Protein backbone atom coordinates (compact mmCIF):
# COMPACT_ATOMS: atom_id res chain seq x y z
CA MET A 1 2.15 -22.90 -15.21
CA THR A 2 5.66 -22.18 -13.95
CA LEU A 3 6.96 -18.63 -14.02
CA ASN A 4 10.35 -17.35 -13.60
CA LYS A 5 9.79 -14.28 -11.53
CA SER A 6 6.73 -12.85 -10.04
CA LEU A 7 5.66 -9.94 -8.08
CA VAL A 8 2.75 -9.91 -5.49
CA TRP A 9 0.87 -6.48 -5.16
CA PHE A 10 -0.33 -6.38 -1.59
CA ARG A 11 -3.29 -3.98 -1.25
CA ARG A 12 -5.88 -4.71 1.34
CA ASP A 13 -4.61 -8.27 2.38
CA LEU A 14 -1.54 -7.35 4.63
CA ARG A 15 -0.62 -10.53 6.11
CA ALA A 16 1.88 -13.49 5.29
CA PHE A 17 -0.43 -16.48 5.91
CA ASP A 18 -3.59 -17.76 4.39
CA HIS A 19 -3.01 -15.57 1.46
CA ALA A 20 -4.40 -16.64 -1.92
CA ALA A 21 -2.26 -14.30 -4.32
CA LEU A 22 0.76 -15.07 -2.43
CA HIS A 23 0.20 -18.68 -2.36
CA LEU A 24 -0.35 -18.96 -6.06
CA ALA A 25 2.76 -16.93 -6.83
CA LEU A 26 5.01 -19.04 -4.81
CA THR A 27 3.51 -22.28 -6.27
CA SER A 28 3.78 -21.20 -9.85
CA SER A 29 7.17 -19.14 -9.70
CA ASN A 30 10.81 -19.82 -9.20
CA GLN A 31 11.32 -16.58 -7.42
CA VAL A 32 8.68 -13.98 -5.90
CA TYR A 33 8.94 -10.53 -4.78
CA CYS A 34 6.31 -8.67 -2.63
CA ALA A 35 5.19 -5.08 -2.94
CA PHE A 36 3.01 -2.41 -1.20
CA ILE A 37 1.98 0.98 -2.96
CA TYR A 38 1.23 3.97 -0.78
CA ASP A 39 -1.14 5.13 -3.72
CA THR A 40 -0.89 9.00 -3.86
CA GLU A 41 -4.38 9.20 -5.72
CA ILE A 42 -5.87 7.70 -2.60
CA LEU A 43 -3.49 9.44 0.02
CA ALA A 44 -3.81 13.17 -1.58
CA PRO A 45 -7.12 13.94 -0.12
CA LEU A 46 -6.45 12.74 3.43
CA PRO A 47 -5.50 14.87 6.43
CA ARG A 48 -1.79 14.65 7.31
CA ALA A 49 -2.74 13.01 10.40
CA ASP A 50 -4.75 9.95 9.47
CA ARG A 51 -5.23 6.98 11.42
CA ARG A 52 -5.78 4.61 8.54
CA VAL A 53 -2.39 5.53 7.14
CA GLU A 54 -0.54 5.15 10.60
CA PHE A 55 -2.27 1.74 10.90
CA ILE A 56 -1.29 0.68 7.18
CA HIS A 57 2.27 1.75 8.26
CA GLY A 58 2.20 -0.45 11.31
CA CYS A 59 0.88 -3.29 9.43
CA LEU A 60 3.79 -3.05 6.51
CA GLU A 61 6.34 -2.91 9.22
CA GLU A 62 5.19 -6.13 10.71
CA LEU A 63 4.46 -7.71 7.37
CA ASP A 64 8.06 -7.10 6.15
CA ALA A 65 9.47 -8.24 9.45
CA VAL A 66 7.50 -11.45 8.83
CA LEU A 67 8.39 -11.97 5.37
CA ARG A 68 12.26 -11.29 6.18
CA LYS A 69 12.02 -14.10 8.74
CA LEU A 70 10.66 -16.27 5.87
CA GLY A 71 13.43 -15.14 3.53
CA GLY A 72 11.81 -12.49 1.75
CA HIS A 73 11.15 -8.66 2.16
CA LEU A 74 8.52 -6.07 1.17
CA VAL A 75 9.31 -3.54 -1.34
CA VAL A 76 7.54 -0.23 -0.63
CA ARG A 77 6.89 2.55 -3.16
CA HIS A 78 5.20 5.86 -2.94
CA GLY A 79 3.36 7.15 -6.08
CA VAL A 80 0.41 6.64 -8.50
CA ALA A 81 -0.25 2.77 -7.79
CA ALA A 82 -0.91 1.76 -11.62
CA ASP A 83 2.20 3.40 -12.76
CA GLU A 84 4.41 2.15 -9.85
CA ILE A 85 3.34 -1.31 -10.34
CA ALA A 86 4.08 -1.31 -14.14
CA ARG A 87 7.49 0.38 -13.26
CA LEU A 88 8.60 -1.93 -10.58
CA ALA A 89 7.60 -5.03 -12.74
CA ALA A 90 9.69 -3.70 -15.36
CA GLU A 91 12.61 -3.08 -12.98
CA LEU A 92 12.39 -6.66 -11.31
CA GLU A 93 11.89 -8.09 -14.71
CA VAL A 94 8.76 -10.32 -13.47
CA ASP A 95 6.77 -12.32 -15.64
CA ALA A 96 3.55 -11.66 -13.91
CA VAL A 97 2.08 -9.68 -10.94
CA PHE A 98 -0.42 -11.32 -8.74
CA VAL A 99 -3.15 -9.46 -6.67
CA ASN A 100 -6.15 -10.47 -4.82
CA GLY A 101 -9.52 -8.89 -6.25
CA ASP A 102 -11.12 -5.82 -5.18
CA TYR A 103 -14.70 -5.02 -5.86
CA GLU A 104 -14.82 -1.21 -5.73
CA PRO A 105 -15.41 0.44 -9.22
CA GLN A 106 -12.11 2.62 -8.99
CA ALA A 107 -10.11 -0.20 -7.93
CA ILE A 108 -11.52 -2.49 -10.88
CA ALA A 109 -10.88 0.45 -13.26
CA ARG A 110 -7.28 0.70 -11.86
CA ASP A 111 -6.68 -2.97 -12.24
CA GLU A 112 -7.80 -2.85 -15.71
CA LEU A 113 -5.27 -0.13 -16.47
CA VAL A 114 -2.41 -2.23 -15.00
CA ALA A 115 -3.58 -5.28 -16.76
CA ALA A 116 -3.32 -3.48 -20.09
CA SER A 117 -0.10 -1.81 -19.24
CA LEU A 118 1.33 -5.21 -18.03
CA GLU A 119 0.03 -6.79 -21.30
CA GLN A 120 1.65 -4.42 -23.43
CA ALA A 121 5.06 -5.24 -21.90
CA GLY A 122 4.44 -9.02 -22.24
CA ARG A 123 3.46 -9.71 -18.71
CA GLN A 124 0.24 -10.87 -17.22
CA LEU A 125 -1.98 -10.14 -14.22
CA PHE A 126 -3.43 -12.69 -12.26
CA SER A 127 -6.29 -12.10 -9.57
CA SER A 128 -7.47 -14.30 -6.76
CA LYS A 129 -10.45 -14.07 -4.33
CA ASP A 130 -9.16 -13.37 -0.79
CA GLN A 131 -11.23 -10.70 1.10
CA VAL A 132 -14.76 -12.52 0.88
CA ILE A 133 -15.72 -16.14 0.89
CA PHE A 134 -17.93 -15.76 -2.17
CA GLU A 135 -17.96 -13.23 -4.72
CA LYS A 136 -19.40 -11.88 -7.87
CA ASN A 137 -21.76 -14.69 -9.33
CA GLU A 138 -20.83 -17.66 -6.92
CA VAL A 139 -23.97 -17.10 -4.97
CA LEU A 140 -27.17 -16.89 -7.23
CA THR A 141 -30.85 -17.34 -6.82
CA LEU A 142 -32.61 -20.47 -8.28
CA SER A 143 -33.22 -18.56 -11.34
CA GLU A 144 -29.45 -17.79 -11.70
CA LYS A 145 -29.82 -14.33 -10.75
CA THR A 146 -27.99 -12.06 -8.17
CA PHE A 147 -29.64 -11.78 -4.88
CA THR A 148 -31.05 -8.11 -3.88
CA VAL A 149 -32.17 -9.06 -0.07
CA PHE A 150 -29.91 -10.25 2.40
CA THR A 151 -31.93 -13.05 4.11
CA PRO A 152 -32.35 -15.09 1.17
CA TYR A 153 -28.62 -14.58 0.20
CA LYS A 154 -27.59 -15.55 3.67
CA ASN A 155 -29.47 -18.77 3.49
CA ALA A 156 -27.95 -19.74 0.03
CA TRP A 157 -24.43 -18.69 1.40
CA LEU A 158 -24.57 -21.19 4.20
CA ARG A 159 -25.89 -23.89 1.90
CA GLN A 160 -23.08 -23.21 -0.66
CA MET A 161 -20.49 -23.21 2.29
CA VAL A 162 -21.59 -26.62 3.18
CA ALA A 163 -21.80 -27.90 -0.32
CA ASP A 164 -18.32 -26.70 -1.08
CA PRO A 165 -16.06 -26.95 1.86
CA GLU A 166 -13.06 -25.99 -0.39
CA CYS A 167 -14.21 -22.33 -0.18
CA LEU A 168 -12.68 -22.30 3.32
CA ALA A 169 -9.29 -24.33 2.32
CA PRO A 170 -6.26 -22.13 3.48
CA TYR A 171 -3.48 -20.96 1.39
CA PRO A 172 -0.34 -22.08 3.22
CA ILE A 173 2.71 -19.87 2.65
CA GLU A 174 5.50 -21.25 4.86
CA PRO A 175 5.98 -24.54 3.03
CA HIS A 176 6.94 -22.51 -0.40
CA ALA A 177 8.72 -19.44 1.60
CA ALA A 178 12.10 -20.43 -0.08
CA ARG A 179 10.95 -18.97 -3.23
CA LEU A 180 10.58 -15.54 -1.60
CA ALA A 181 13.28 -12.98 -3.19
CA PRO A 182 15.81 -12.00 -0.37
CA ALA A 183 15.93 -8.38 0.79
CA PRO A 184 18.81 -6.45 -0.87
CA PRO A 185 21.51 -4.74 1.33
CA GLY A 186 20.38 -1.70 3.10
CA HIS A 187 16.76 -2.45 2.88
CA ARG A 188 14.30 -0.21 4.74
CA LEU A 189 10.69 0.85 4.62
CA PRO A 190 9.62 4.53 4.32
CA SER A 191 8.55 6.22 7.54
CA LEU A 192 5.23 8.29 7.86
CA SER A 193 7.18 11.49 7.26
CA ASP A 194 8.80 9.99 4.16
CA ILE A 195 5.02 9.75 2.61
CA GLY A 196 4.02 13.03 4.13
CA PHE A 197 2.15 12.00 7.28
CA GLU A 198 2.46 12.29 10.92
CA PRO A 199 1.54 10.30 13.88
CA THR A 200 -1.93 10.23 15.30
CA ASN A 201 -3.39 8.88 18.56
CA LEU A 202 -3.60 5.42 17.26
CA ARG A 203 -1.42 3.71 20.03
CA GLU A 204 -2.93 5.68 22.66
CA LEU A 205 -6.27 4.18 21.69
CA GLY A 206 -4.79 0.72 22.02
CA ILE A 207 -5.19 -0.02 18.48
CA VAL A 208 -2.45 -2.47 17.55
CA PRO A 209 -1.75 -2.76 13.86
CA GLY A 210 -0.84 -5.83 11.74
CA MET A 211 -1.58 -9.45 11.90
CA SER A 212 -0.38 -9.76 15.85
CA GLY A 213 -2.95 -7.17 16.53
CA GLY A 214 -5.65 -8.85 14.45
CA ALA A 215 -5.00 -12.15 16.16
CA ALA A 216 -5.00 -10.84 20.02
CA LEU A 217 -8.40 -9.36 19.16
CA PHE A 218 -9.90 -12.27 17.67
CA GLN A 219 -8.51 -14.54 20.48
CA ASP A 220 -10.11 -12.01 23.06
CA PHE A 221 -13.25 -12.22 21.23
CA VAL A 222 -13.46 -15.92 21.03
CA ASN A 223 -13.68 -16.03 24.82
CA ARG A 224 -17.16 -13.91 24.82
CA ILE A 225 -18.37 -14.76 21.56
CA GLY A 226 -21.32 -16.75 23.12
CA ALA A 227 -22.92 -13.66 24.13
CA TYR A 228 -22.43 -11.54 21.11
CA ASP A 229 -26.01 -11.66 19.81
CA GLU A 230 -27.05 -9.69 22.81
CA ALA A 231 -23.82 -7.75 23.87
CA ARG A 232 -23.26 -6.25 20.47
CA ASN A 233 -26.10 -4.14 20.98
CA PHE A 234 -24.52 -2.02 23.98
CA PRO A 235 -22.18 0.61 23.24
CA ALA A 236 -20.61 0.54 26.82
CA VAL A 237 -20.13 -3.04 26.89
CA ASN A 238 -17.20 -4.93 25.45
CA GLY A 239 -19.64 -6.93 23.00
CA ALA A 240 -18.18 -6.28 19.66
CA SER A 241 -15.14 -8.10 18.04
CA ALA A 242 -13.41 -4.88 17.23
CA LEU A 243 -11.96 -6.65 14.13
CA SER A 244 -13.50 -4.37 11.41
CA VAL A 245 -10.37 -2.47 10.88
CA HIS A 246 -8.27 -5.83 10.54
CA LEU A 247 -10.87 -7.06 8.21
CA ARG A 248 -10.76 -4.08 6.09
CA PHE A 249 -7.02 -4.15 5.70
CA GLY A 250 -6.74 -8.07 5.74
CA THR A 251 -4.44 -8.44 8.49
CA VAL A 252 -7.03 -11.30 9.31
CA SER A 253 -8.16 -14.06 7.03
CA VAL A 254 -11.84 -14.13 6.53
CA ARG A 255 -11.54 -17.83 5.55
CA ASP A 256 -9.71 -18.35 9.03
CA LEU A 257 -12.26 -16.43 10.97
CA VAL A 258 -15.22 -18.53 9.38
CA ARG A 259 -13.18 -21.88 9.99
CA SER A 260 -12.91 -20.89 13.67
CA VAL A 261 -16.43 -19.92 14.07
CA ASN A 262 -17.59 -23.19 12.38
CA ALA A 263 -15.26 -25.19 14.79
CA LEU A 264 -16.61 -23.31 17.86
CA VAL A 265 -20.10 -24.00 16.68
CA ALA A 266 -19.33 -27.82 16.05
CA ALA A 267 -17.91 -28.00 19.33
CA GLY A 268 -20.86 -26.62 21.08
CA ASN A 269 -18.93 -23.64 22.44
CA GLY A 270 -20.07 -20.88 20.25
CA GLY A 271 -23.49 -20.11 22.07
CA ALA A 272 -26.11 -18.04 20.59
CA GLY A 273 -23.50 -15.45 19.58
CA ALA A 274 -21.26 -17.34 17.05
CA PRO A 275 -24.01 -17.59 14.17
CA VAL A 276 -25.15 -14.02 14.81
CA TRP A 277 -21.43 -12.90 14.22
CA LEU A 278 -21.07 -15.12 11.24
CA SER A 279 -24.13 -13.35 9.92
CA GLU A 280 -21.84 -10.06 9.93
CA LEU A 281 -19.33 -11.78 7.98
CA ILE A 282 -21.83 -12.67 5.55
CA TRP A 283 -22.95 -9.19 5.30
CA ARG A 284 -19.44 -8.08 4.23
CA ASP A 285 -19.86 -10.84 1.35
CA PHE A 286 -23.30 -9.47 0.29
CA TYR A 287 -22.39 -5.80 0.27
CA ALA A 288 -19.25 -6.53 -1.96
CA MET A 289 -21.41 -8.49 -4.24
CA ILE A 290 -23.88 -5.76 -4.37
CA LEU A 291 -21.40 -2.99 -5.20
CA PHE A 292 -19.70 -5.16 -7.80
CA HIS A 293 -23.00 -5.84 -9.62
CA HIS A 294 -24.63 -2.43 -9.22
CA PRO A 295 -21.65 0.03 -9.14
CA ARG A 296 -24.17 2.89 -9.40
CA VAL A 297 -24.97 2.56 -5.52
CA ALA A 298 -21.69 4.38 -5.18
CA GLY A 299 -23.42 7.84 -5.42
CA HIS A 300 -27.01 6.71 -5.98
CA ALA A 301 -29.79 5.18 -4.32
CA PHE A 302 -30.00 1.35 -4.85
CA LYS A 303 -33.75 1.99 -5.54
CA PRO A 304 -33.49 4.37 -8.17
CA ALA A 305 -37.08 5.91 -7.27
CA PHE A 306 -35.54 7.14 -4.05
CA ASP A 307 -33.15 9.46 -5.91
CA ALA A 308 -36.01 11.86 -6.61
CA ILE A 309 -36.42 12.52 -2.68
CA GLU A 310 -35.94 16.20 -1.92
CA TRP A 311 -33.56 16.48 0.95
CA GLU A 312 -33.14 19.69 2.96
CA THR A 313 -30.73 22.12 1.26
CA GLY A 314 -29.46 25.51 1.96
CA ALA A 315 -27.83 27.30 5.06
CA GLY A 316 -30.08 25.49 7.52
CA ALA A 317 -29.22 22.08 6.14
CA ASP A 318 -25.62 23.05 6.37
CA ALA A 319 -25.80 24.27 9.84
CA ALA A 320 -27.76 21.04 10.82
CA PHE A 321 -25.16 18.80 9.21
CA GLU A 322 -22.22 20.56 10.85
CA ALA A 323 -23.85 20.04 14.45
CA TRP A 324 -24.22 16.33 13.46
CA CYS A 325 -20.72 16.21 12.43
CA LEU A 326 -19.50 18.09 15.78
CA GLY A 327 -21.74 16.09 18.02
CA ARG A 328 -24.04 19.31 18.96
CA THR A 329 -27.50 17.99 17.96
CA GLY A 330 -28.74 18.12 21.73
CA TYR A 331 -29.56 14.38 21.63
CA PRO A 332 -26.81 12.79 23.92
CA LEU A 333 -26.62 9.24 22.36
CA VAL A 334 -26.27 10.75 18.83
CA ASP A 335 -23.71 13.13 19.99
CA ALA A 336 -21.91 10.64 22.01
CA ALA A 337 -21.62 8.42 19.09
CA MET A 338 -20.05 11.23 17.04
CA ALA A 339 -17.71 12.19 19.80
CA GLN A 340 -16.64 8.46 19.69
CA LEU A 341 -16.04 8.52 15.99
CA ASN A 342 -14.31 12.02 15.89
CA GLN A 343 -11.82 11.14 18.68
CA THR A 344 -11.19 7.36 17.97
CA GLY A 345 -11.99 6.80 14.38
CA TYR A 346 -14.46 4.01 15.47
CA MET A 347 -18.31 3.89 15.96
CA HIS A 348 -20.24 1.29 17.53
CA ASN A 349 -22.46 -0.60 14.94
CA ARG A 350 -25.77 0.19 16.62
CA LEU A 351 -24.92 3.78 16.76
CA ARG A 352 -23.98 3.85 13.35
CA MET A 353 -27.54 3.06 12.62
CA VAL A 354 -28.90 5.49 15.40
CA SER A 355 -26.76 8.54 14.27
CA ALA A 356 -27.32 7.75 10.18
CA CYS A 357 -31.08 7.55 10.92
CA PHE A 358 -31.03 10.84 12.89
CA LEU A 359 -29.04 12.63 10.13
CA VAL A 360 -31.41 11.54 7.38
CA LYS A 361 -34.82 11.27 9.14
CA ASP A 362 -34.59 13.68 11.69
CA LEU A 363 -32.43 16.46 10.10
CA GLY A 364 -33.55 15.74 6.54
CA VAL A 365 -29.99 15.58 5.22
CA ASP A 366 -29.05 13.60 2.11
CA TRP A 367 -27.52 10.38 3.24
CA ARG A 368 -24.51 10.79 0.89
CA ARG A 369 -23.39 13.70 3.05
CA GLY A 370 -23.20 11.47 6.13
CA GLU A 371 -21.79 8.58 3.97
CA ARG A 372 -18.76 10.93 2.98
CA TYR A 373 -18.22 12.06 6.62
CA PHE A 374 -17.99 8.51 7.69
CA ALA A 375 -15.72 7.72 4.80
CA LEU A 376 -13.42 10.45 6.15
CA LYS A 377 -13.37 9.52 9.86
CA LEU A 378 -13.75 5.80 9.93
CA ASN A 379 -10.76 3.76 10.59
CA ASP A 380 -12.47 0.57 9.12
CA TYR A 381 -13.90 2.64 6.03
CA ASP A 382 -14.97 0.16 3.46
CA LEU A 383 -16.87 1.52 0.34
CA ALA A 384 -19.20 -1.51 0.20
CA SER A 385 -20.14 -1.96 3.86
CA ASN A 386 -20.29 1.73 4.46
CA ASN A 387 -22.68 2.45 1.47
CA GLY A 388 -24.77 -0.64 2.39
CA GLY A 389 -25.06 0.80 5.70
CA TRP A 390 -26.00 4.21 4.92
CA GLN A 391 -28.77 3.22 2.22
CA TRP A 392 -30.09 0.59 4.91
CA ALA A 393 -30.66 3.71 7.23
CA ALA A 394 -31.84 5.87 4.55
CA SER A 395 -34.41 3.26 3.28
CA THR A 396 -32.97 3.51 -0.18
CA GLY A 397 -30.94 0.23 -0.40
CA CYS A 398 -30.94 -3.40 0.03
CA ASP A 399 -32.95 -4.79 2.91
CA ALA A 400 -33.88 -1.20 3.89
CA GLN A 401 -35.81 -0.53 6.89
CA PRO A 402 -39.21 0.87 5.73
CA TYR A 403 -39.15 4.67 5.74
CA PHE A 404 -41.85 4.99 8.19
CA ARG A 405 -39.61 3.04 10.82
CA ILE A 406 -37.65 5.82 12.21
CA PHE A 407 -35.23 5.43 15.16
CA ASN A 408 -36.18 7.44 18.21
CA PRO A 409 -33.03 8.46 19.69
CA VAL A 410 -34.22 9.02 23.25
CA THR A 411 -35.81 5.52 23.51
CA GLN A 412 -32.74 4.08 21.92
CA SER A 413 -30.41 5.82 24.41
CA GLU A 414 -32.87 4.61 27.30
CA LYS A 415 -32.60 1.09 25.93
CA PHE A 416 -29.25 0.46 24.83
CA ASP A 417 -27.38 2.91 27.52
CA ALA A 418 -29.81 2.96 30.21
CA GLN A 419 -27.33 3.91 32.84
CA GLY A 420 -25.63 6.59 30.52
CA ARG A 421 -22.23 4.90 30.66
CA PHE A 422 -21.41 5.35 27.10
CA ILE A 423 -22.80 8.90 27.18
CA ARG A 424 -20.85 10.09 30.25
CA ARG A 425 -17.57 8.72 28.65
CA TYR A 426 -17.74 10.77 25.54
CA LEU A 427 -19.77 13.79 26.93
CA PRO A 428 -18.41 14.41 30.37
CA GLN A 429 -20.45 17.64 30.70
CA LEU A 430 -23.51 15.49 31.29
CA ALA A 431 -21.92 13.49 33.94
CA MET A 432 -23.82 14.99 36.88
CA LEU A 433 -27.18 14.14 35.43
CA SER A 434 -28.89 11.24 36.65
CA ASP A 435 -29.44 8.06 34.62
CA LYS A 436 -32.89 9.18 34.07
CA GLU A 437 -32.32 12.60 33.14
CA ILE A 438 -29.29 12.11 30.79
CA HIS A 439 -31.28 10.67 27.77
CA ALA A 440 -33.11 13.89 27.33
CA PRO A 441 -31.72 16.72 29.54
CA TRP A 442 -34.30 19.17 27.92
CA THR A 443 -37.25 17.42 29.39
CA VAL A 444 -35.86 18.19 33.07
CA PRO A 445 -37.12 21.41 34.75
CA ALA A 446 -34.40 24.14 34.36
CA MET A 447 -34.63 24.51 38.28
CA LEU A 448 -33.46 21.03 38.84
CA LEU A 449 -30.95 21.15 36.37
CA GLU A 450 -29.50 24.56 37.94
CA GLN A 451 -29.10 22.31 41.15
CA HIS A 452 -26.80 20.42 39.25
CA GLY A 453 -25.02 23.40 38.19
CA PHE A 454 -26.04 22.73 34.59
CA ARG A 455 -27.79 24.94 32.16
CA LEU A 456 -29.07 23.92 28.74
CA GLY A 457 -27.93 26.04 26.04
CA ARG A 458 -24.83 26.82 27.92
CA ASP A 459 -23.21 23.49 28.93
CA TYR A 460 -25.09 21.53 26.33
CA PRO A 461 -27.19 22.56 23.44
CA ALA A 462 -30.67 22.21 23.35
CA PRO A 463 -32.10 19.64 20.52
CA ILE A 464 -31.77 21.30 17.07
CA VAL A 465 -34.98 19.38 15.96
CA ASP A 466 -38.20 18.10 17.56
CA HIS A 467 -37.97 14.44 17.01
CA ALA A 468 -41.86 14.22 16.63
CA VAL A 469 -42.22 17.12 14.32
CA ALA A 470 -39.26 15.64 12.26
CA ARG A 471 -40.75 12.53 11.89
CA GLN A 472 -43.92 13.77 10.21
CA HIS A 473 -41.85 15.71 8.08
CA THR A 474 -39.97 12.32 7.08
CA LEU A 475 -43.26 10.51 6.43
CA ALA A 476 -43.97 13.26 4.09
CA ARG A 477 -40.84 13.33 2.24
CA TYR A 478 -40.71 9.66 1.89
CA GLY A 479 -44.59 9.26 1.20
CA VAL A 480 -44.18 10.43 -2.54
CA VAL A 481 -42.14 7.07 -3.39
CA LYS A 482 -44.53 4.13 -4.25
CA PRO A 483 -43.58 0.94 -2.77
CA SER A 484 -43.03 -0.29 -6.24
CA GLY A 485 -40.48 2.14 -6.67
CA GLY A 486 -42.15 4.76 -8.76
CA LEU A 487 -42.99 8.32 -7.48
CA ILE A 488 -46.77 9.21 -6.47
CA PRO A 489 -47.78 12.00 -8.68
């Protein structure tokens, strides 16, 4: 296949290396344009100060600069993506549009609309696999069915990776860069204000967008990946990779990450942590596969019987949800986690589980409300992973924890933030409490708290729920669901 002119539509793959769609376009076309669309259908509901939009803007600036060094440039438009791509394809008179596939229901519907529009104009849409290692039906059970449980999926995934080493083969760009279309005179990208947004505290948080930001984080992580299996559990420790937002927007290549981890393991430098981190990358593939095959999970329980659970409603539930959102539940670890999310757009992975479990199983609030709040706040928001994580916490999804396993927020705090370092960072009003007192201030005699100049209910809220009582309510709430999936009459 040799095309005259083509257009590569960047979406969640904001890099100019190891890029499947860009490689395919360059190796099959005489000239290649590159474009990104600020999709107004996605941007319209967002607040005017949104860290993700600022992150994307920074990524695009770097991507354009790198493409220009290679001889090309990035065309950036602002509008309804499906309309803008069809319009741009006609304007540039390209023969085809190349994309990397997306597995979210709305994205699939959008791409089908684009494909139909392009076809009417005599053009084609080509889609490549890029954001995962294995997609759709590439990892199946022995009976050629899709997996619904992670561990057997992971084992099959690992076997397939060994059997098919080409799945990790890179897609080089530089050797073919001469085919990139050069920038026209006066080329510039729109500013944040041009698209109706304003700066956030992204830079103050030390978050560096783009390929360089992702590469620096990964290099730092490689030096401590061996301890990841343990360090990842402690929110006050620099144990995680912090790459989730870069994975979400594709400023790093998942193939490159897996190749690097495999090389560390082969050289004996990965320790116990490297295989555990690889498992986290496999979870991404798993949840993307689940969303693709079971799009109903975007709004419904993976296990349909759990849609019949009666969640708390009314003013009481609304007040409890608001207290959770604001970090005013009276449980320090939960509140510190929510403060981290609200202030930074990030939440430590263990705390995502703890805070989600608290909302659902201590407060009895529908998991979908929490899922939507995370979607609004998380820098790394990804529908498949966010939905999978919430359904895991709510015991309604794949590999769900049994409903009778309910995180105790106090014991979680004592175990994973024993010295209260994380709590003190985000709840400075508790800083004067001792390492023992800080996990459950309401258990400390009021006279002792007064000696600290601290009063419960004034300086920090009393617990909005008794965990032991809430646990019993949760057991009753979930107890009407049979293990087989039906409801107990």
